[in-house]
Amino acid sequence: MDALERLRALCLALPETTERLSHGEPTWFVRGKKTFVMFADHHHDDRLAFWCAAPPGVQEEMVAEDPERFFRPPYVGHRGWLGVYLDVPDVDWAEIAEIVTDAYRRIAPQSLAARLP
């Protein structure tokens, strides 16, 4: 399974999530309205990644901890969104699942977020 398929499966497993193209890239929405994850297939550089909503302070912490895997994405980085590279060796898909779930919790209404374990 390639990176897009794995990311898609993680996003679409969350309650009331939909996918559609936004700015030419697959993007996932809660209830078809609010974006929580955006795929980035060499959109602004030569890297494969995704951008996602993140709790306050997480972007800075993750980028400082491991700039080879995390970055501040263009356009949404100033709002605290996190960029995650998917073209690194040994992608930790369990960690990616946690990051995606946290992004969902950040954007989803409380009634939907409460449905998560």
C-alpha atoms as a PDB file:
ATOM      1  CA  MET A   1       0.000   0.000   0.000  1.00  0.00           C
ATOM      2  CA  ASP A   2       1.469   3.372  -0.917  1.00  0.00           C
ATOM      3  CA  ALA A   3       1.585   6.425   1.350  1.00  0.00           C
ATOM      4  CA  LEU A   4      -1.547   8.048  -0.094  1.00  0.00           C
ATOM      5  CA  GLU A   5      -3.592   4.864   0.291  1.00  0.00           C
ATOM      6  CA  ARG A   6      -2.443   4.419   3.906  1.00  0.00           C
ATOM      7  CA  LEU A   7      -3.144   8.055   4.764  1.00  0.00           C
ATOM      8  CA  ARG A   8      -6.552   7.841   3.068  1.00  0.00           C
ATOM      9  CA  ALA A   9      -7.460   4.745   5.085  1.00  0.00           C
ATOM     10  CA  LEU A  10      -6.537   6.471   8.351  1.00  0.00           C
ATOM     11  CA  CYS A  11      -8.535   9.602   7.535  1.00  0.00           C
ATOM     12  CA  LEU A  12     -11.632   7.868   6.187  1.00  0.00           C
ATOM     13  CA  ALA A  13     -11.810   5.573   9.225  1.00  0.00           C
ATOM     14  CA  LEU A  14     -12.766   8.594  11.345  1.00  0.00           C
ATOM     15  CA  PRO A  15     -16.459   9.516  11.857  1.00  0.00           C
ATOM     16  CA  GLU A  16     -18.188  11.571   9.144  1.00  0.00           C
ATOM     17  CA  THR A  17     -15.008  12.170   7.156  1.00  0.00           C
ATOM     18  CA  THR A  18     -15.047  12.842   3.419  1.00  0.00           C
ATOM     19  CA  GLU A  19     -12.364  13.277   0.789  1.00  0.00           C
ATOM     20  CA  ARG A  20     -12.194  15.591  -2.179  1.00  0.00           C
ATOM     21  CA  LEU A  21      -9.564  17.472  -4.127  1.00  0.00           C
ATOM     22  CA  SER A  22      -8.583  20.864  -2.805  1.00  0.00           C
ATOM     23  CA  HIS A  23      -5.861  22.851  -4.529  1.00  0.00           C
ATOM     24  CA  GLY A  24      -5.204  19.784  -6.679  1.00  0.00           C
ATOM     25  CA  GLU A  25      -4.455  17.434  -3.766  1.00  0.00           C
ATOM     26  CA  PRO A  26      -6.531  14.861  -1.850  1.00  0.00           C
ATOM     27  CA  THR A  27      -7.894  16.566   1.262  1.00  0.00           C
ATOM     28  CA  TRP A  28      -9.997  15.216   4.121  1.00  0.00           C
ATOM     29  CA  PHE A  29     -12.870  17.072   5.723  1.00  0.00           C
ATOM     30  CA  VAL A  30     -15.063  16.644   8.784  1.00  0.00           C
ATOM     31  CA  ARG A  31     -18.719  16.624   7.727  1.00  0.00           C
ATOM     32  CA  GLY A  32     -17.644  17.839   4.300  1.00  0.00           C
ATOM     33  CA  LYS A  33     -16.767  21.297   5.613  1.00  0.00           C
ATOM     34  CA  LYS A  34     -13.649  21.657   7.753  1.00  0.00           C
ATOM     35  CA  THR A  35     -10.247  20.417   6.573  1.00  0.00           C
ATOM     36  CA  PHE A  36      -8.155  18.401   9.001  1.00  0.00           C
ATOM     37  CA  VAL A  37      -5.574  16.728   6.689  1.00  0.00           C
ATOM     38  CA  MET A  38      -4.183  17.752   3.286  1.00  0.00           C
ATOM     39  CA  PHE A  39      -1.948  15.517   1.148  1.00  0.00           C
ATOM     40  CA  ALA A  40       1.085  17.254  -0.363  1.00  0.00           C
ATOM     41  CA  ASP A  41       2.542  15.345  -3.309  1.00  0.00           C
ATOM     42  CA  HIS A  42       5.468  17.532  -4.315  1.00  0.00           C
ATOM     43  CA  HIS A  43       3.087  20.501  -4.329  1.00  0.00           C
ATOM     44  CA  HIS A  44       5.560  23.090  -3.018  1.00  0.00           C
ATOM     45  CA  ASP A  45       8.844  21.202  -3.100  1.00  0.00           C
ATOM     46  CA  ASP A  46      10.230  17.817  -4.093  1.00  0.00           C
ATOM     47  CA  ARG A  47       8.954  16.049  -0.953  1.00  0.00           C
ATOM     48  CA  LEU A  48       5.963  13.801  -0.279  1.00  0.00           C
ATOM     49  CA  ALA A  49       4.091  14.873   2.854  1.00  0.00           C
ATOM     50  CA  PHE A  50       0.817  15.824   4.464  1.00  0.00           C
ATOM     51  CA  TRP A  51      -0.280  18.877   6.407  1.00  0.00           C
ATOM     52  CA  CYS A  52      -2.653  18.661   9.339  1.00  0.00           C
ATOM     53  CA  ALA A  53      -4.242  20.597  12.141  1.00  0.00           C
ATOM     54  CA  ALA A  54      -2.302  20.312  15.401  1.00  0.00           C
ATOM     55  CA  PRO A  55      -2.873  21.354  19.003  1.00  0.00           C
ATOM     56  CA  PRO A  56      -1.124  24.563  20.147  1.00  0.00           C
ATOM     57  CA  GLY A  57       2.630  24.158  20.509  1.00  0.00           C
ATOM     58  CA  VAL A  58       2.825  20.752  18.824  1.00  0.00           C
ATOM     59  CA  GLN A  59       4.182  22.057  15.517  1.00  0.00           C
ATOM     60  CA  GLU A  60       7.098  23.831  17.191  1.00  0.00           C
ATOM     61  CA  GLU A  61       7.842  20.854  19.429  1.00  0.00           C
ATOM     62  CA  MET A  62       7.806  18.268  16.636  1.00  0.00           C
ATOM     63  CA  VAL A  63       9.824  20.369  14.172  1.00  0.00           C
ATOM     64  CA  ALA A  64      12.452  21.129  16.830  1.00  0.00           C
ATOM     65  CA  GLU A  65      12.605  17.462  17.831  1.00  0.00           C
ATOM     66  CA  ASP A  66      12.930  15.983  14.329  1.00  0.00           C
ATOM     67  CA  PRO A  67      13.173  18.424  11.375  1.00  0.00           C
ATOM     68  CA  GLU A  68      13.912  15.508   9.040  1.00  0.00           C
ATOM     69  CA  ARG A  69      10.343  14.255   9.556  1.00  0.00           C
ATOM     70  CA  PHE A  70       8.322  17.361  10.515  1.00  0.00           C
ATOM     71  CA  PHE A  71       8.068  20.912   9.152  1.00  0.00           C
ATOM     72  CA  ARG A  72       6.044  24.098   9.218  1.00  0.00           C
ATOM     73  CA  PRO A  73       3.899  23.957   6.068  1.00  0.00           C
ATOM     74  CA  PRO A  74       3.259  26.974   3.860  1.00  0.00           C
ATOM     75  CA  TYR A  75      -0.089  28.815   4.057  1.00  0.00           C
ATOM     76  CA  VAL A  76      -1.326  27.015   7.193  1.00  0.00           C
ATOM     77  CA  GLY A  77       1.842  26.816   9.275  1.00  0.00           C
ATOM     78  CA  HIS A  78       1.186  30.184  10.874  1.00  0.00           C
ATOM     79  CA  ARG A  79      -2.027  28.656  12.320  1.00  0.00           C
ATOM     80  CA  GLY A  80      -0.025  25.911  14.013  1.00  0.00           C
ATOM     81  CA  TRP A  81      -0.587  23.209  11.403  1.00  0.00           C
ATOM     82  CA  LEU A  82       2.052  20.483  11.212  1.00  0.00           C
ATOM     83  CA  GLY A  83       3.761  19.158   8.105  1.00  0.00           C
ATOM     84  CA  VAL A  84       4.760  15.484   8.127  1.00  0.00           C
ATOM     85  CA  TYR A  85       7.104  13.992   5.530  1.00  0.00           C
ATOM     86  CA  LEU A  86       6.054  10.631   4.108  1.00  0.00           C
ATOM     87  CA  ASP A  87       9.165  10.043   1.990  1.00  0.00           C
ATOM     88  CA  VAL A  88      11.489   9.261   4.893  1.00  0.00           C
ATOM     89  CA  PRO A  89      12.801   5.755   5.553  1.00  0.00           C
ATOM     90  CA  ASP A  90      10.746   3.676   7.966  1.00  0.00           C
ATOM     91  CA  VAL A  91       7.627   5.826   8.270  1.00  0.00           C
ATOM     92  CA  ASP A  92       6.071   5.126  11.671  1.00  0.00           C
ATOM     93  CA  TRP A  93       2.444   4.527  10.661  1.00  0.00           C
ATOM     94  CA  ALA A  94       1.330   4.097  14.273  1.00  0.00           C
ATOM     95  CA  GLU A  95       2.609   7.610  14.975  1.00  0.00           C
ATOM     96  CA  ILE A  96       0.991   8.898  11.773  1.00  0.00           C
ATOM     97  CA  ALA A  97      -2.322   7.411  12.950  1.00  0.00           C
ATOM     98  CA  GLU A  98      -2.000   9.308  16.244  1.00  0.00           C
ATOM     99  CA  ILE A  99      -1.160  12.561  14.437  1.00  0.00           C
ATOM    100  CA  VAL A 100      -4.144  12.168  12.082  1.00  0.00           C
ATOM    101  CA  THR A 101      -6.474  11.368  14.995  1.00  0.00           C
ATOM    102  CA  ASP A 102      -5.213  14.412  16.918  1.00  0.00           C
ATOM    103  CA  ALA A 103      -5.825  16.570  13.823  1.00  0.00           C
ATOM    104  CA  TYR A 104      -9.366  15.223  13.610  1.00  0.00           C
ATOM    105  CA  ARG A 105      -9.985  15.923  17.304  1.00  0.00           C
ATOM    106  CA  ARG A 106      -8.724  19.485  16.796  1.00  0.00           C
ATOM    107  CA  ILE A 107     -11.236  20.190  13.996  1.00  0.00           C
ATOM    108  CA  ALA A 108     -14.224  17.922  14.639  1.00  0.00           C
ATOM    109  CA  PRO A 109     -17.164  19.019  16.776  1.00  0.00           C
ATOM    110  CA  GLN A 110     -17.005  17.613  20.302  1.00  0.00           C
ATOM    111  CA  SER A 111     -19.898  15.257  19.571  1.00  0.00           C
ATOM    112  CA  LEU A 112     -17.852  13.535  16.844  1.00  0.00           C
ATOM    113  CA  ALA A 113     -14.541  13.614  18.706  1.00  0.00           C
ATOM    114  CA  ALA A 114     -16.276  11.944  21.670  1.00  0.00           C
ATOM    115  CA  ARG A 115     -16.966   8.918  19.438  1.00  0.00           C
ATOM    116  CA  LEU A 116     -13.242   8.142  19.248  1.00  0.00           C
ATOM    117  CA  PRO A 117     -11.672   5.693  21.707  1.00  0.00           C
END
